[in-house]
Amino acid sequence: MKGKFLILIALIFTISNLRAQENPPKTSNFKYNNNFDLSFSGGSSQLASTLSWVHLYPVNKKKSFKIGFGTRFTSQFGKNGYYETAPAKLTSKETGPQVLFTEIFKENIDSIKFASTQVNSLNLSINIQYTLKDKIDIGFNIDAIGFSFGKKVKGEYIAYQSSANNTIQSAKPTPFNLLLVSDNDLGSLNSEIFIRYWLNPKWAIRAGASFLFTEYTTDNKLRLENDRWRNKALLGMIGVTYSPFK
């Protein structure tokens, strides 16, 4: 009896194994919902190009709403740009989420005018997307954390309450980037709001707006012991998307 039982178990195992070979399990869905994007944005005094990868996860039954993560490389080129006092403790005399609702203390704001700037940043990004009728996506993304690099530049310091007014200051891109809230942010961060149209399952075009923060740190601490300077720019954006595994 025991021998027959073992033979039966062996037979069931063999049949199950053959069925598994005939109908292999589906591979992981991680390779799906991967987008590779190339985009260009520009305004009156600066241009930027971005290269990014995004992986999205559907969060509802219709798979129309997705959230995800990715990486983005942004390269910014500017001309005659004004970079203003950056830290929230100076601009708002506050730190924390409340800086969104506090006034700006203009008496604490100085600036540096750079004839040319070039900041490169590599950041992890947060992404949200909603799909309409399969062909149209509405999306938003924002950089969360990363680093920046670029050449040292010189600019004219403009501070009417300082004896250093009109002096030439050296600066380089702030190396560490971190999304916090508004002026609490550190470094250079990019965000986009866009509409995407799929030409076919693999290729799409998109357009929207980019809100780009770039930041420099001066060699010297200037008035109010500040050495961080930020430029905020709203730029028009166009781009293409490639989804290789659709």
Protein backbone atom coordinates (compact mmCIF):
# COMPACT_ATOMS: atom_id res chain seq x y z
CA MET A 1 0.00 0.00 0.00
CA LYS A 2 2.81 2.32 0.91
CA GLY A 3 4.54 1.58 -2.42
CA LYS A 4 1.39 2.36 -4.42
CA PHE A 5 1.01 5.65 -2.54
CA LEU A 6 4.58 6.66 -3.41
CA ILE A 7 3.99 5.71 -7.07
CA LEU A 8 0.82 7.86 -7.10
CA ILE A 9 2.68 10.84 -5.62
CA ALA A 10 5.45 10.43 -8.20
CA LEU A 11 2.87 10.27 -11.03
CA ILE A 12 1.10 13.43 -9.83
CA PHE A 13 4.45 15.24 -9.57
CA THR A 14 5.43 14.15 -13.09
CA ILE A 15 2.11 15.28 -14.61
CA SER A 16 2.30 18.64 -12.81
CA ASN A 17 5.84 19.15 -14.04
CA LEU A 18 4.83 18.40 -17.65
CA ARG A 19 1.95 20.89 -17.43
CA ALA A 20 4.28 23.53 -16.05
CA GLN A 21 6.57 23.00 -19.03
CA GLU A 22 3.64 23.21 -21.48
CA ASN A 23 2.31 26.39 -19.79
CA PRO A 24 5.28 28.17 -18.27
CA PRO A 25 4.44 30.85 -15.69
CA LYS A 26 4.25 34.39 -16.93
CA THR A 27 7.38 36.41 -16.48
CA SER A 28 7.47 39.32 -14.09
CA ASN A 29 5.58 42.39 -15.23
CA PHE A 30 8.41 44.66 -14.11
CA LYS A 31 9.67 45.03 -17.66
CA TYR A 32 6.29 46.45 -18.72
CA ASN A 33 5.31 50.07 -18.06
CA ASN A 34 8.87 51.29 -18.56
CA ASN A 35 9.20 54.60 -20.39
CA PHE A 36 12.36 56.24 -21.72
CA ASP A 37 12.00 59.97 -22.35
CA LEU A 38 14.01 62.62 -24.12
CA SER A 39 12.77 66.18 -23.69
CA PHE A 40 13.80 69.78 -24.31
CA SER A 41 12.60 72.85 -22.46
CA GLY A 42 13.31 76.53 -22.85
CA GLY A 43 12.51 80.08 -21.85
CA SER A 44 13.82 83.59 -22.39
CA SER A 45 17.20 83.08 -20.73
CA GLN A 46 17.81 79.34 -20.45
CA LEU A 47 17.45 75.95 -22.07
CA ALA A 48 17.46 72.44 -20.64
CA SER A 49 17.56 68.91 -22.00
CA THR A 50 16.55 65.82 -20.03
CA LEU A 51 16.98 62.08 -20.42
CA SER A 52 14.90 59.91 -18.10
CA TRP A 53 13.67 56.41 -17.31
CA VAL A 54 10.40 55.82 -15.45
CA HIS A 55 8.78 52.63 -14.16
CA LEU A 56 5.05 52.86 -13.40
CA TYR A 57 2.72 50.72 -11.27
CA PRO A 58 -1.06 50.60 -11.95
CA VAL A 59 -3.01 51.25 -8.75
CA ASN A 60 -6.62 50.76 -9.90
CA LYS A 61 -8.49 47.95 -11.68
CA LYS A 62 -8.67 49.78 -15.01
CA LYS A 63 -4.90 50.44 -14.81
CA SER A 64 -5.57 54.02 -15.81
CA PHE A 65 -3.97 55.57 -12.73
CA LYS A 66 -0.29 54.84 -12.15
CA ILE A 67 2.45 55.89 -9.78
CA GLY A 68 6.13 55.15 -10.10
CA PHE A 69 9.76 56.03 -9.74
CA GLY A 70 12.60 56.77 -12.10
CA THR A 71 15.86 58.56 -12.76
CA ARG A 72 16.38 61.80 -14.66
CA PHE A 73 19.47 63.52 -15.98
CA THR A 74 18.96 67.26 -16.60
CA SER A 75 21.46 69.53 -18.30
CA GLN A 76 20.73 73.26 -18.01
CA PHE A 77 22.28 76.13 -19.97
CA GLY A 78 21.60 79.72 -18.94
CA LYS A 79 22.59 83.24 -19.96
CA ASN A 80 22.46 86.43 -17.88
CA GLY A 81 20.60 84.69 -15.09
CA TYR A 82 19.85 86.11 -11.64
CA TYR A 83 20.29 83.73 -8.71
CA GLU A 84 18.66 84.88 -5.48
CA THR A 85 19.15 84.06 -1.81
CA ALA A 86 18.04 80.42 -1.45
CA PRO A 87 17.60 79.23 2.19
CA ALA A 88 14.06 79.31 3.56
CA LYS A 89 15.32 80.55 6.93
CA LEU A 90 16.29 83.78 5.14
CA THR A 91 13.60 84.10 2.47
CA SER A 92 10.68 83.27 4.79
CA LYS A 93 12.31 83.35 8.23
CA GLU A 94 10.72 79.92 8.61
CA THR A 95 11.56 76.29 7.92
CA GLY A 96 9.12 73.44 7.40
CA PRO A 97 5.91 73.11 5.32
CA GLN A 98 4.60 76.50 6.45
CA VAL A 99 7.01 78.25 4.06
CA LEU A 100 4.40 77.63 1.36
CA PHE A 101 2.13 80.13 3.07
CA THR A 102 4.52 82.68 4.54
CA GLU A 103 5.52 85.99 3.01
CA ILE A 104 8.89 86.62 1.41
CA PHE A 105 11.12 89.00 3.36
CA LYS A 106 12.58 91.05 0.54
CA GLU A 107 15.07 92.79 2.81
CA ASN A 108 16.86 89.43 3.10
CA ILE A 109 17.03 88.80 -0.64
CA ASP A 110 20.26 89.50 -2.51
CA SER A 111 21.23 88.17 -5.93
CA ILE A 112 24.14 87.23 -8.14
CA LYS A 113 24.05 87.78 -11.89
CA PHE A 114 25.92 85.11 -13.86
CA ALA A 115 26.75 85.79 -17.50
CA SER A 116 26.42 82.07 -18.21
CA THR A 117 25.50 78.96 -16.23
CA GLN A 118 25.61 75.24 -16.87
CA VAL A 119 24.28 72.81 -14.26
CA ASN A 120 24.02 69.03 -14.66
CA SER A 121 21.90 67.03 -12.24
CA LEU A 122 21.11 63.35 -11.81
CA ASN A 123 18.11 62.69 -9.58
CA LEU A 124 15.64 60.02 -8.58
CA SER A 125 12.11 61.08 -9.52
CA ILE A 126 8.54 60.57 -8.29
CA ASN A 127 5.92 60.09 -11.03
CA ILE A 128 2.12 60.19 -11.25
CA GLN A 129 0.12 59.46 -14.42
CA TYR A 130 -3.51 59.10 -15.54
CA THR A 131 -4.44 57.55 -18.90
CA LEU A 132 -7.44 58.64 -20.97
CA LYS A 133 -8.76 56.23 -23.63
CA ASP A 134 -5.41 54.37 -23.93
CA LYS A 135 -3.72 56.98 -26.14
CA ILE A 136 -3.54 60.05 -23.92
CA ASP A 137 -1.65 60.37 -20.64
CA ILE A 138 -1.75 63.27 -18.21
CA GLY A 139 1.26 63.23 -15.93
CA PHE A 140 3.28 64.97 -13.26
CA ASN A 141 6.79 64.21 -12.03
CA ILE A 142 9.30 65.76 -9.65
CA ASP A 143 12.90 65.12 -8.68
CA ALA A 144 13.41 63.85 -5.13
CA ILE A 145 17.10 63.32 -4.39
CA GLY A 146 20.39 63.27 -6.25
CA PHE A 147 23.49 65.27 -7.05
CA SER A 148 24.66 68.06 -9.38
CA PHE A 149 27.90 69.08 -11.00
CA GLY A 150 29.28 71.70 -13.37
CA LYS A 151 32.06 74.21 -13.90
CA LYS A 152 32.85 77.05 -11.52
CA VAL A 153 31.49 80.39 -12.73
CA LYS A 154 31.84 84.03 -11.71
CA GLY A 155 29.09 86.57 -11.23
CA GLU A 156 28.31 90.05 -9.97
CA TYR A 157 26.99 90.20 -6.41
CA ILE A 158 24.06 92.61 -6.04
CA ALA A 159 23.34 93.61 -2.44
CA TYR A 160 22.55 97.22 -1.67
CA GLN A 161 22.91 96.67 2.08
CA SER A 162 26.41 95.25 1.88
CA SER A 163 29.84 96.74 1.29
CA ALA A 164 30.48 93.76 -1.02
CA ASN A 165 27.91 95.10 -3.50
CA ASN A 166 29.10 94.85 -7.14
CA THR A 167 31.97 92.54 -6.26
CA ILE A 168 32.73 89.49 -8.39
CA GLN A 169 32.03 86.17 -6.69
CA SER A 170 32.97 82.62 -7.69
CA ALA A 171 30.46 79.79 -7.38
CA LYS A 172 29.85 76.20 -8.40
CA PRO A 173 26.67 74.07 -8.57
CA THR A 174 25.42 72.94 -5.16
CA PRO A 175 26.43 69.24 -5.11
CA PHE A 176 23.55 67.68 -3.14
CA ASN A 177 19.89 67.82 -4.22
CA LEU A 178 16.94 67.09 -1.93
CA LEU A 179 13.20 67.73 -2.30
CA LEU A 180 11.73 69.20 0.86
CA VAL A 181 9.11 71.98 0.58
CA SER A 182 9.49 75.13 -1.53
CA ASP A 183 12.52 77.15 -0.38
CA ASN A 184 13.50 74.35 1.98
CA ASP A 185 14.66 72.44 -1.12
CA LEU A 186 18.36 71.89 -1.60
CA GLY A 187 20.24 72.00 -4.89
CA SER A 188 18.91 71.60 -8.42
CA LEU A 189 15.53 69.93 -8.99
CA ASN A 190 13.28 69.55 -12.03
CA SER A 191 9.55 68.88 -12.27
CA GLU A 192 7.13 68.55 -15.18
CA ILE A 193 3.42 68.58 -15.92
CA PHE A 194 2.57 67.19 -19.34
CA ILE A 195 0.17 65.59 -21.82
CA ARG A 196 1.41 62.57 -23.80
CA TYR A 197 -0.09 61.15 -27.02
CA TRP A 198 0.78 57.62 -28.12
CA LEU A 199 1.39 57.40 -31.87
CA ASN A 200 1.63 53.59 -31.57
CA PRO A 201 2.22 51.15 -28.68
CA LYS A 202 5.92 52.02 -28.42
CA TRP A 203 6.29 55.68 -29.40
CA ALA A 204 4.65 58.83 -28.07
CA ILE A 205 5.08 62.59 -28.13
CA ARG A 206 4.48 64.84 -25.14
CA ALA A 207 4.30 68.53 -24.31
CA GLY A 208 3.87 70.60 -21.19
CA ALA A 209 5.79 72.76 -18.75
CA SER A 210 8.95 72.27 -16.71
CA PHE A 211 9.59 74.04 -13.40
CA LEU A 212 13.36 74.00 -12.98
CA PHE A 213 15.33 74.96 -9.86
CA THR A 214 19.07 75.39 -10.31
CA GLU A 215 21.36 76.33 -7.44
CA TYR A 216 24.92 77.58 -6.96
CA THR A 217 27.07 77.78 -3.84
CA THR A 218 29.56 80.66 -3.62
CA ASP A 219 33.10 80.22 -2.36
CA ASN A 220 32.45 83.00 0.16
CA LYS A 221 29.68 83.43 2.69
CA LEU A 222 28.14 86.82 1.94
CA ARG A 223 25.55 88.96 3.72
CA LEU A 224 23.59 87.10 6.42
CA GLU A 225 26.21 84.33 6.20
CA ASN A 226 24.58 83.05 3.02
CA ASP A 227 26.39 81.10 0.31
CA ARG A 228 23.44 79.44 -1.52
CA TRP A 229 21.77 81.04 -4.58
CA ARG A 230 18.78 79.76 -6.53
CA ASN A 231 17.14 80.42 -9.89
CA LYS A 232 13.52 79.32 -10.49
CA ALA A 233 12.38 79.04 -14.09
CA LEU A 234 9.09 78.03 -15.71
CA LEU A 235 9.91 76.60 -19.15
CA GLY A 236 7.90 75.25 -22.06
CA MET A 237 8.66 71.57 -22.73
CA ILE A 238 8.40 69.09 -25.63
CA GLY A 239 9.61 65.52 -25.73
CA VAL A 240 9.36 61.97 -27.05
CA THR A 241 8.72 58.72 -25.17
CA TYR A 242 9.82 55.19 -26.08
CA SER A 243 8.29 52.18 -24.33
CA PRO A 244 10.22 49.13 -25.63
CA PHE A 245 8.27 46.31 -23.95
CA LYS A 246 4.70 47.20 -24.82
